[in-house]
Amino acid sequence: MRYAHCRIMNHQALKQLRDSIETYGQIVPALVVTEKDKLILVDGYLRVRALRACGKDQICVHLSEENEQNAMFSLLAKTNERQWEAIEQSVLLQELHRRFGCSLSHIAARIGRDKSFVKRRLDLVEALPENILKAVISGTLSTWSASRVMAPLARANIKDAQKLMAHLENEPLSTRELAHFYEHYQKSNRSVRDRMLENPFLFIKVQNERIQSEQAKEIHDGPEGKWFKDIKMVYAVLGRLLKTVSHVHYPKSDPFKKQTLKAWVNKVENQAAKLKKEIEP
């Protein structure tokens, strides 16, 4: 089971395959290669788990004539036959690069990708601390969360990434909740970030309660409340534009930009005149 650490645990896929095997038996053989006097399982780790879940201790395999390295290249090149999780693909590419000593250019050529693709995949897996990578492989953390949140966070601040992961192991957040947490984290100062990381679950709970409260208020206020909210926002934006107009409209500013600015002001005036006409008795 040399490459078990490269396969993400997907409980739903495991259940579906187990049910299929119980009904129809194993249809697709696993892929193995020989190494001296033993067999190396290259592909078919989910089938092994599913067969074990069915109480079976035998598996149908296809013995490849290729060596281990070439078998891995062949597997990774089959992009039309298989949808790879980014992390799974990244870890296998890392094996080829580190254990077999293949260059990025050689890997790219063998799997039909460009060198930049291979580098991005390697950067992804190498940005993740070991405990976060293990969480992805075990199915605790989604690939999306790892690549879109934990990897960029780990590159920016490894301590914060480790602290967040420690909380997620005990109180997991949904993908949507984690994305919302990271969006807030990026906009916050150090003091706020520290409070968020003290209890991510509580932060999300408070945010959800705030959103629900705002939604309830919108329903209570009705379209009138939304209209007054919008007009106040327009007034505030116009105030900001008035304060900063000298930055874009000055004696030596570009004539074309001056004309564009005036055109937009005229459009705003026209819209305001139409609005005033609508509400006047």
C-alpha atoms as a PDB file:
ATOM      1  CA  MET A   1       0.000   0.000   0.000  1.00  0.00           C
ATOM      2  CA  ARG A   2       2.857   2.327  -0.918  1.00  0.00           C
ATOM      3  CA  TYR A   3       0.649   5.104  -2.267  1.00  0.00           C
ATOM      4  CA  ALA A   4      -2.139   4.984   0.304  1.00  0.00           C
ATOM      5  CA  HIS A   5      -0.987   8.379   1.576  1.00  0.00           C
ATOM      6  CA  CYS A   6      -1.716   9.823  -1.872  1.00  0.00           C
ATOM      7  CA  ARG A   7      -5.406   8.882  -1.887  1.00  0.00           C
ATOM      8  CA  ILE A   8      -8.104  10.999  -0.251  1.00  0.00           C
ATOM      9  CA  MET A   9     -10.655   9.176   1.852  1.00  0.00           C
ATOM     10  CA  ASN A  10     -14.093   9.777   0.310  1.00  0.00           C
ATOM     11  CA  HIS A  11     -16.770   8.058   2.387  1.00  0.00           C
ATOM     12  CA  GLN A  12     -19.551   8.647  -0.124  1.00  0.00           C
ATOM     13  CA  ALA A  13     -17.516   7.226  -3.027  1.00  0.00           C
ATOM     14  CA  LEU A  14     -16.514   4.279  -0.821  1.00  0.00           C
ATOM     15  CA  LYS A  15     -20.148   3.501  -0.010  1.00  0.00           C
ATOM     16  CA  GLN A  16     -21.172   3.695  -3.673  1.00  0.00           C
ATOM     17  CA  LEU A  17     -18.348   1.390  -4.747  1.00  0.00           C
ATOM     18  CA  ARG A  18     -19.058  -1.028  -1.899  1.00  0.00           C
ATOM     19  CA  ASP A  19     -22.732  -1.212  -2.939  1.00  0.00           C
ATOM     20  CA  SER A  20     -21.695  -1.763  -6.562  1.00  0.00           C
ATOM     21  CA  ILE A  21     -19.305  -4.580  -5.643  1.00  0.00           C
ATOM     22  CA  GLU A  22     -21.936  -6.255  -3.470  1.00  0.00           C
ATOM     23  CA  THR A  23     -24.360  -6.167  -6.417  1.00  0.00           C
ATOM     24  CA  TYR A  24     -22.146  -6.799  -9.446  1.00  0.00           C
ATOM     25  CA  GLY A  25     -18.780  -7.839  -8.035  1.00  0.00           C
ATOM     26  CA  GLN A  26     -15.462  -6.152  -8.861  1.00  0.00           C
ATOM     27  CA  ILE A  27     -15.590  -4.976 -12.483  1.00  0.00           C
ATOM     28  CA  VAL A  28     -12.388  -2.944 -12.940  1.00  0.00           C
ATOM     29  CA  PRO A  29      -9.121  -4.582 -11.857  1.00  0.00           C
ATOM     30  CA  ALA A  30      -6.592  -2.737  -9.730  1.00  0.00           C
ATOM     31  CA  LEU A  31      -3.263  -1.799 -11.292  1.00  0.00           C
ATOM     32  CA  VAL A  32      -0.099  -3.367  -9.871  1.00  0.00           C
ATOM     33  CA  VAL A  33       3.553  -3.590 -10.860  1.00  0.00           C
ATOM     34  CA  THR A  34       6.262  -5.939  -9.667  1.00  0.00           C
ATOM     35  CA  GLU A  35       9.233  -4.983  -7.526  1.00  0.00           C
ATOM     36  CA  LYS A  36      11.589  -7.915  -7.031  1.00  0.00           C
ATOM     37  CA  ASP A  37       9.434 -10.552  -5.298  1.00  0.00           C
ATOM     38  CA  LYS A  38       6.463  -8.335  -4.313  1.00  0.00           C
ATOM     39  CA  LEU A  39       3.600  -6.440  -5.917  1.00  0.00           C
ATOM     40  CA  ILE A  40       3.151  -2.663  -5.697  1.00  0.00           C
ATOM     41  CA  LEU A  41      -0.402  -1.320  -5.866  1.00  0.00           C
ATOM     42  CA  VAL A  42      -0.325   1.727  -8.146  1.00  0.00           C
ATOM     43  CA  ASP A  43      -4.057   2.310  -8.582  1.00  0.00           C
ATOM     44  CA  GLY A  44      -7.106   0.759  -6.938  1.00  0.00           C
ATOM     45  CA  TYR A  45      -6.902   1.885  -3.322  1.00  0.00           C
ATOM     46  CA  LEU A  46     -10.613   2.688  -3.147  1.00  0.00           C
ATOM     47  CA  ARG A  47     -11.374  -0.768  -4.571  1.00  0.00           C
ATOM     48  CA  VAL A  48      -9.251  -2.346  -1.831  1.00  0.00           C
ATOM     49  CA  ARG A  49     -11.183  -0.446   0.868  1.00  0.00           C
ATOM     50  CA  ALA A  50     -14.529  -1.303  -0.731  1.00  0.00           C
ATOM     51  CA  LEU A  51     -13.669  -5.002  -0.997  1.00  0.00           C
ATOM     52  CA  ARG A  52     -12.613  -5.067   2.650  1.00  0.00           C
ATOM     53  CA  ALA A  53     -15.884  -3.346   3.581  1.00  0.00           C
ATOM     54  CA  CYS A  54     -17.667  -6.197   1.752  1.00  0.00           C
ATOM     55  CA  GLY A  55     -15.736  -8.740   3.817  1.00  0.00           C
ATOM     56  CA  LYS A  56     -13.657  -9.908   0.870  1.00  0.00           C
ATOM     57  CA  ASP A  57      -9.964 -10.739   1.094  1.00  0.00           C
ATOM     58  CA  GLN A  58      -9.171 -11.130  -2.605  1.00  0.00           C
ATOM     59  CA  ILE A  59      -8.876  -8.565  -5.387  1.00  0.00           C
ATOM     60  CA  CYS A  60      -8.694  -8.817  -9.169  1.00  0.00           C
ATOM     61  CA  VAL A  61      -5.589  -7.019 -10.486  1.00  0.00           C
ATOM     62  CA  HIS A  62      -3.975  -6.117 -13.780  1.00  0.00           C
ATOM     63  CA  LEU A  63      -0.231  -6.778 -13.684  1.00  0.00           C
ATOM     64  CA  SER A  64       1.426  -4.045 -15.723  1.00  0.00           C
ATOM     65  CA  GLU A  65       4.570  -4.807 -17.685  1.00  0.00           C
ATOM     66  CA  GLU A  66       5.752  -1.252 -17.000  1.00  0.00           C
ATOM     67  CA  ASN A  67       8.048  -0.411 -14.115  1.00  0.00           C
ATOM     68  CA  GLU A  68       6.667   1.552 -11.172  1.00  0.00           C
ATOM     69  CA  GLN A  69       7.723   4.977 -12.448  1.00  0.00           C
ATOM     70  CA  ASN A  70       6.287   4.498 -15.929  1.00  0.00           C
ATOM     71  CA  ALA A  71       3.068   3.057 -14.498  1.00  0.00           C
ATOM     72  CA  MET A  72       2.629   6.217 -12.453  1.00  0.00           C
ATOM     73  CA  PHE A  73       3.209   8.380 -15.515  1.00  0.00           C
ATOM     74  CA  SER A  74       0.622   6.370 -17.454  1.00  0.00           C
ATOM     75  CA  LEU A  75      -1.878   6.739 -14.619  1.00  0.00           C
ATOM     76  CA  LEU A  76      -1.412  10.512 -14.351  1.00  0.00           C
ATOM     77  CA  ALA A  77      -1.660  10.946 -18.112  1.00  0.00           C
ATOM     78  CA  LYS A  78      -5.193   9.472 -18.167  1.00  0.00           C
ATOM     79  CA  THR A  79      -6.882  12.793 -17.472  1.00  0.00           C
ATOM     80  CA  ASN A  80      -9.888  11.966 -19.675  1.00  0.00           C
ATOM     81  CA  GLU A  81     -10.606   8.721 -17.845  1.00  0.00           C
ATOM     82  CA  ARG A  82     -10.294   9.993 -14.296  1.00  0.00           C
ATOM     83  CA  GLN A  83     -11.058  13.159 -12.358  1.00  0.00           C
ATOM     84  CA  TRP A  84      -8.140  13.788 -10.030  1.00  0.00           C
ATOM     85  CA  GLU A  85      -8.421  15.669  -6.777  1.00  0.00           C
ATOM     86  CA  ALA A  86      -5.768  18.409  -6.866  1.00  0.00           C
ATOM     87  CA  ILE A  87      -4.115  17.169  -3.661  1.00  0.00           C
ATOM     88  CA  GLU A  88      -3.976  13.536  -4.845  1.00  0.00           C
ATOM     89  CA  GLN A  89      -2.399  14.580  -8.106  1.00  0.00           C
ATOM     90  CA  SER A  90       0.031  16.892  -6.306  1.00  0.00           C
ATOM     91  CA  VAL A  91       1.256  14.177  -3.927  1.00  0.00           C
ATOM     92  CA  LEU A  92       1.815  11.711  -6.776  1.00  0.00           C
ATOM     93  CA  LEU A  93       3.737  14.339  -8.738  1.00  0.00           C
ATOM     94  CA  GLN A  94       5.795  15.006  -5.626  1.00  0.00           C
ATOM     95  CA  GLU A  95       6.648  11.282  -5.475  1.00  0.00           C
ATOM     96  CA  LEU A  96       7.889  11.382  -9.067  1.00  0.00           C
ATOM     97  CA  HIS A  97       9.902  14.525  -8.417  1.00  0.00           C
ATOM     98  CA  ARG A  98      11.434  13.609  -5.068  1.00  0.00           C
ATOM     99  CA  ARG A  99      11.643   9.811  -4.942  1.00  0.00           C
ATOM    100  CA  PHE A 100      12.344   9.161  -8.597  1.00  0.00           C
ATOM    101  CA  GLY A 101      14.281  12.384  -9.203  1.00  0.00           C
ATOM    102  CA  CYS A 102      12.280  13.411 -12.285  1.00  0.00           C
ATOM    103  CA  SER A 103      12.615  17.025 -13.385  1.00  0.00           C
ATOM    104  CA  LEU A 104       9.534  19.237 -13.703  1.00  0.00           C
ATOM    105  CA  SER A 105      10.039  19.436 -17.475  1.00  0.00           C
ATOM    106  CA  HIS A 106      10.235  15.648 -17.803  1.00  0.00           C
ATOM    107  CA  ILE A 107       7.117  15.136 -15.648  1.00  0.00           C
ATOM    108  CA  ALA A 108       5.194  17.739 -17.659  1.00  0.00           C
ATOM    109  CA  ALA A 109       6.122  16.091 -20.962  1.00  0.00           C
ATOM    110  CA  ARG A 110       5.144  12.609 -19.756  1.00  0.00           C
ATOM    111  CA  ILE A 111       1.696  13.581 -18.454  1.00  0.00           C
ATOM    112  CA  GLY A 112       0.835  15.980 -21.284  1.00  0.00           C
ATOM    113  CA  ARG A 113       0.900  19.189 -19.238  1.00  0.00           C
ATOM    114  CA  ASP A 114       3.102  22.257 -19.204  1.00  0.00           C
ATOM    115  CA  LYS A 115       5.835  22.831 -16.658  1.00  0.00           C
ATOM    116  CA  SER A 116       3.947  25.634 -14.898  1.00  0.00           C
ATOM    117  CA  PHE A 117       1.058  23.235 -14.148  1.00  0.00           C
ATOM    118  CA  VAL A 118       3.418  20.763 -12.492  1.00  0.00           C
ATOM    119  CA  LYS A 119       5.062  23.542 -10.476  1.00  0.00           C
ATOM    120  CA  ARG A 120       1.684  24.863  -9.262  1.00  0.00           C
ATOM    121  CA  ARG A 121       0.700  21.389  -8.133  1.00  0.00           C
ATOM    122  CA  LEU A 122       3.997  20.911  -6.277  1.00  0.00           C
ATOM    123  CA  ASP A 123       3.710  24.374  -4.703  1.00  0.00           C
ATOM    124  CA  LEU A 124       0.242  23.455  -3.446  1.00  0.00           C
ATOM    125  CA  VAL A 125       1.275  20.322  -1.591  1.00  0.00           C
ATOM    126  CA  GLU A 126       4.562  21.785  -0.349  1.00  0.00           C
ATOM    127  CA  ALA A 127       2.750  24.801   1.122  1.00  0.00           C
ATOM    128  CA  LEU A 128       0.670  22.552   3.380  1.00  0.00           C
ATOM    129  CA  PRO A 129       2.070  21.488   6.761  1.00  0.00           C
ATOM    130  CA  GLU A 130       2.045  17.726   7.324  1.00  0.00           C
ATOM    131  CA  ASN A 131      -0.917  17.724   9.737  1.00  0.00           C
ATOM    132  CA  ILE A 132      -3.071  19.707   7.284  1.00  0.00           C
ATOM    133  CA  LEU A 133      -2.136  17.387   4.418  1.00  0.00           C
ATOM    134  CA  LYS A 134      -3.067  14.389   6.578  1.00  0.00           C
ATOM    135  CA  ALA A 135      -6.434  16.023   7.331  1.00  0.00           C
ATOM    136  CA  VAL A 136      -7.107  16.274   3.591  1.00  0.00           C
ATOM    137  CA  ILE A 137      -6.083  12.659   2.920  1.00  0.00           C
ATOM    138  CA  SER A 138      -8.266  11.406   5.793  1.00  0.00           C
ATOM    139  CA  GLY A 139     -11.251  13.339   4.444  1.00  0.00           C
ATOM    140  CA  THR A 140     -11.445  15.675   7.445  1.00  0.00           C
ATOM    141  CA  LEU A 141     -10.639  18.726   5.299  1.00  0.00           C
ATOM    142  CA  SER A 142     -11.892  19.201   1.738  1.00  0.00           C
ATOM    143  CA  THR A 143      -9.495  19.688  -1.158  1.00  0.00           C
ATOM    144  CA  TRP A 144     -11.153  23.040  -1.898  1.00  0.00           C
ATOM    145  CA  SER A 145     -10.566  24.215   1.680  1.00  0.00           C
ATOM    146  CA  ALA A 146      -6.957  23.073   1.550  1.00  0.00           C
ATOM    147  CA  SER A 147      -6.131  24.709  -1.787  1.00  0.00           C
ATOM    148  CA  ARG A 148      -8.207  27.910  -1.430  1.00  0.00           C
ATOM    149  CA  VAL A 149      -7.834  28.625   2.289  1.00  0.00           C
ATOM    150  CA  MET A 150      -5.242  26.582   4.176  1.00  0.00           C
ATOM    151  CA  ALA A 151      -2.475  26.647   1.529  1.00  0.00           C
ATOM    152  CA  PRO A 152      -2.490  30.451   1.002  1.00  0.00           C
ATOM    153  CA  LEU A 153      -2.875  30.975   4.757  1.00  0.00           C
ATOM    154  CA  ALA A 154       0.066  28.653   5.495  1.00  0.00           C
ATOM    155  CA  ARG A 155       2.237  30.520   2.970  1.00  0.00           C
ATOM    156  CA  ALA A 156       1.369  33.839   4.629  1.00  0.00           C
ATOM    157  CA  ASN A 157       1.355  32.778   8.291  1.00  0.00           C
ATOM    158  CA  ILE A 158       2.156  29.174   9.187  1.00  0.00           C
ATOM    159  CA  LYS A 159       1.321  29.664  12.887  1.00  0.00           C
ATOM    160  CA  ASP A 160      -2.165  30.939  12.127  1.00  0.00           C
ATOM    161  CA  ALA A 161      -2.749  28.059   9.712  1.00  0.00           C
ATOM    162  CA  GLN A 162      -1.694  25.531  12.352  1.00  0.00           C
ATOM    163  CA  LYS A 163      -3.885  27.176  14.976  1.00  0.00           C
ATOM    164  CA  LEU A 164      -6.908  27.186  12.678  1.00  0.00           C
ATOM    165  CA  MET A 165      -6.340  23.541  11.726  1.00  0.00           C
ATOM    166  CA  ALA A 166      -6.170  22.539  15.389  1.00  0.00           C
ATOM    167  CA  HIS A 167      -9.657  23.997  15.885  1.00  0.00           C
ATOM    168  CA  LEU A 168     -11.019  22.421  12.689  1.00  0.00           C
ATOM    169  CA  GLU A 169      -9.964  18.961  13.865  1.00  0.00           C
ATOM    170  CA  ASN A 170     -12.289  19.320  16.871  1.00  0.00           C
ATOM    171  CA  GLU A 171     -15.008  21.569  15.441  1.00  0.00           C
ATOM    172  CA  PRO A 172     -15.099  21.304  11.626  1.00  0.00           C
ATOM    173  CA  LEU A 173     -16.520  24.157   9.565  1.00  0.00           C
ATOM    174  CA  SER A 174     -18.314  23.685   6.265  1.00  0.00           C
ATOM    175  CA  THR A 175     -16.542  24.794   3.091  1.00  0.00           C
ATOM    176  CA  ARG A 176     -18.801  27.842   2.902  1.00  0.00           C
ATOM    177  CA  GLU A 177     -18.159  28.746   6.552  1.00  0.00           C
ATOM    178  CA  LEU A 178     -14.392  28.357   6.177  1.00  0.00           C
ATOM    179  CA  ALA A 179     -14.415  30.538   3.045  1.00  0.00           C
ATOM    180  CA  HIS A 180     -16.386  33.185   4.963  1.00  0.00           C
ATOM    181  CA  PHE A 181     -13.932  32.948   7.869  1.00  0.00           C
ATOM    182  CA  TYR A 182     -10.916  33.406   5.579  1.00  0.00           C
ATOM    183  CA  GLU A 183     -12.522  36.319   3.756  1.00  0.00           C
ATOM    184  CA  HIS A 184     -13.003  38.082   7.094  1.00  0.00           C
ATOM    185  CA  TYR A 185      -9.491  37.124   8.243  1.00  0.00           C
ATOM    186  CA  GLN A 186      -7.913  38.761   5.188  1.00  0.00           C
ATOM    187  CA  LYS A 187      -9.658  42.067   5.896  1.00  0.00           C
ATOM    188  CA  SER A 188      -8.933  42.139   9.637  1.00  0.00           C
ATOM    189  CA  ASN A 189      -6.064  43.574  11.686  1.00  0.00           C
ATOM    190  CA  ARG A 190      -3.852  41.470  13.941  1.00  0.00           C
ATOM    191  CA  SER A 191      -5.972  41.970  17.043  1.00  0.00           C
ATOM    192  CA  VAL A 192      -9.172  40.847  15.314  1.00  0.00           C
ATOM    193  CA  ARG A 193      -7.400  37.891  13.685  1.00  0.00           C
ATOM    194  CA  ASP A 194      -6.194  36.695  17.077  1.00  0.00           C
ATOM    195  CA  ARG A 195      -9.741  36.796  18.454  1.00  0.00           C
ATOM    196  CA  MET A 196     -11.059  34.952  15.395  1.00  0.00           C
ATOM    197  CA  LEU A 197      -8.451  32.212  15.786  1.00  0.00           C
ATOM    198  CA  GLU A 198      -9.234  31.802  19.481  1.00  0.00           C
ATOM    199  CA  ASN A 199     -12.594  30.308  18.553  1.00  0.00           C
ATOM    200  CA  PRO A 200     -13.403  30.075  14.808  1.00  0.00           C
ATOM    201  CA  PHE A 201     -16.655  28.206  15.495  1.00  0.00           C
ATOM    202  CA  LEU A 202     -17.902  30.972  17.805  1.00  0.00           C
ATOM    203  CA  PHE A 203     -16.929  33.625  15.233  1.00  0.00           C
ATOM    204  CA  ILE A 204     -18.974  31.879  12.530  1.00  0.00           C
ATOM    205  CA  LYS A 205     -21.889  31.431  14.935  1.00  0.00           C
ATOM    206  CA  VAL A 206     -21.921  35.148  15.760  1.00  0.00           C
ATOM    207  CA  GLN A 207     -21.627  36.057  12.068  1.00  0.00           C
ATOM    208  CA  ASN A 208     -24.525  33.763  11.170  1.00  0.00           C
ATOM    209  CA  GLU A 209     -26.655  35.286  13.919  1.00  0.00           C
ATOM    210  CA  ARG A 210     -25.837  38.780  12.642  1.00  0.00           C
ATOM    211  CA  ILE A 211     -26.762  37.828   9.068  1.00  0.00           C
ATOM    212  CA  GLN A 212     -30.020  36.261  10.233  1.00  0.00           C
ATOM    213  CA  SER A 213     -30.808  39.375  12.248  1.00  0.00           C
ATOM    214  CA  GLU A 214     -30.160  41.612   9.230  1.00  0.00           C
ATOM    215  CA  GLN A 215     -32.332  39.386   7.039  1.00  0.00           C
ATOM    216  CA  ALA A 216     -35.123  39.491   9.613  1.00  0.00           C
ATOM    217  CA  LYS A 217     -34.877  43.300   9.743  1.00  0.00           C
ATOM    218  CA  GLU A 218     -35.070  43.508   5.931  1.00  0.00           C
ATOM    219  CA  ILE A 219     -38.211  41.385   5.948  1.00  0.00           C
ATOM    220  CA  HIS A 220     -39.698  43.490   8.764  1.00  0.00           C
ATOM    221  CA  ASP A 221     -38.848  46.811   7.076  1.00  0.00           C
ATOM    222  CA  GLY A 222     -40.075  45.644   3.684  1.00  0.00           C
ATOM    223  CA  PRO A 223     -39.283  47.406   0.373  1.00  0.00           C
ATOM    224  CA  GLU A 224     -39.580  50.820   2.049  1.00  0.00           C
ATOM    225  CA  GLY A 225     -36.762  50.001   4.438  1.00  0.00           C
ATOM    226  CA  LYS A 226     -34.560  48.723   1.608  1.00  0.00           C
ATOM    227  CA  TRP A 227     -35.265  51.884  -0.431  1.00  0.00           C
ATOM    228  CA  PHE A 228     -34.223  54.203   2.405  1.00  0.00           C
ATOM    229  CA  LYS A 229     -31.122  52.086   3.014  1.00  0.00           C
ATOM    230  CA  ASP A 230     -30.164  52.400  -0.666  1.00  0.00           C
ATOM    231  CA  ILE A 231     -30.731  56.177  -0.801  1.00  0.00           C
ATOM    232  CA  LYS A 232     -28.558  56.627   2.292  1.00  0.00           C
ATOM    233  CA  MET A 233     -25.808  54.615   0.611  1.00  0.00           C
ATOM    234  CA  VAL A 234     -26.060  56.786  -2.508  1.00  0.00           C
ATOM    235  CA  TYR A 235     -25.797  59.911  -0.352  1.00  0.00           C
ATOM    236  CA  ALA A 236     -22.730  58.510   1.443  1.00  0.00           C
ATOM    237  CA  VAL A 237     -21.019  57.589  -1.850  1.00  0.00           C
ATOM    238  CA  LEU A 238     -21.663  61.059  -3.270  1.00  0.00           C
ATOM    239  CA  GLY A 239     -20.128  62.522  -0.125  1.00  0.00           C
ATOM    240  CA  ARG A 240     -16.960  60.467  -0.637  1.00  0.00           C
ATOM    241  CA  LEU A 241     -16.776  61.503  -4.292  1.00  0.00           C
ATOM    242  CA  LEU A 242     -17.114  65.153  -3.317  1.00  0.00           C
ATOM    243  CA  LYS A 243     -14.222  64.888  -0.878  1.00  0.00           C
ATOM    244  CA  THR A 244     -11.914  63.263  -3.424  1.00  0.00           C
ATOM    245  CA  VAL A 245     -12.933  65.088  -6.625  1.00  0.00           C
ATOM    246  CA  SER A 246      -9.818  67.269  -6.464  1.00  0.00           C
ATOM    247  CA  HIS A 247      -7.702  64.108  -6.979  1.00  0.00           C
ATOM    248  CA  VAL A 248      -9.187  63.515 -10.427  1.00  0.00           C
ATOM    249  CA  HIS A 249     -10.288  66.995 -11.532  1.00  0.00           C
ATOM    250  CA  TYR A 250      -7.594  69.691 -11.431  1.00  0.00           C
ATOM    251  CA  PRO A 251      -6.262  72.360 -13.851  1.00  0.00           C
ATOM    252  CA  LYS A 252      -3.714  70.097 -15.577  1.00  0.00           C
ATOM    253  CA  SER A 253      -5.701  66.863 -15.531  1.00  0.00           C
ATOM    254  CA  ASP A 254      -6.235  64.962 -18.797  1.00  0.00           C
ATOM    255  CA  PRO A 255      -8.919  66.705 -20.949  1.00  0.00           C
ATOM    256  CA  PHE A 256     -10.487  63.397 -21.971  1.00  0.00           C
ATOM    257  CA  LYS A 257     -10.779  62.313 -18.332  1.00  0.00           C
ATOM    258  CA  LYS A 258     -12.336  65.683 -17.489  1.00  0.00           C
ATOM    259  CA  GLN A 259     -14.974  65.157 -20.161  1.00  0.00           C
ATOM    260  CA  THR A 260     -15.642  61.620 -18.943  1.00  0.00           C
ATOM    261  CA  LEU A 261     -16.041  62.867 -15.372  1.00  0.00           C
ATOM    262  CA  LYS A 262     -18.492  65.567 -16.458  1.00  0.00           C
ATOM    263  CA  ALA A 263     -20.463  63.051 -18.507  1.00  0.00           C
ATOM    264  CA  TRP A 264     -20.899  60.811 -15.489  1.00  0.00           C
ATOM    265  CA  VAL A 265     -21.919  63.742 -13.286  1.00  0.00           C
ATOM    266  CA  ASN A 266     -24.550  64.662 -15.895  1.00  0.00           C
ATOM    267  CA  LYS A 267     -25.867  61.085 -15.853  1.00  0.00           C
ATOM    268  CA  VAL A 268     -26.158  61.192 -12.069  1.00  0.00           C
ATOM    269  CA  GLU A 269     -27.960  64.545 -12.284  1.00  0.00           C
ATOM    270  CA  ASN A 270     -30.415  63.145 -14.814  1.00  0.00           C
ATOM    271  CA  GLN A 271     -31.161  60.121 -12.663  1.00  0.00           C
ATOM    272  CA  ALA A 272     -31.615  62.346  -9.599  1.00  0.00           C
ATOM    273  CA  ALA A 273     -34.004  64.594 -11.565  1.00  0.00           C
ATOM    274  CA  LYS A 274     -36.062  61.557 -12.638  1.00  0.00           C
ATOM    275  CA  LEU A 275     -36.215  60.330  -9.060  1.00  0.00           C
ATOM    276  CA  LYS A 276     -37.278  63.733  -7.769  1.00  0.00           C
ATOM    277  CA  LYS A 277     -40.002  63.908 -10.396  1.00  0.00           C
ATOM    278  CA  GLU A 278     -41.310  60.477  -9.346  1.00  0.00           C
ATOM    279  CA  ILE A 279     -41.696  61.400  -5.662  1.00  0.00           C
ATOM    280  CA  GLU A 280     -43.030  64.922  -6.103  1.00  0.00           C
ATOM    281  CA  PRO A 281     -46.847  65.255  -5.770  1.00  0.00           C
END
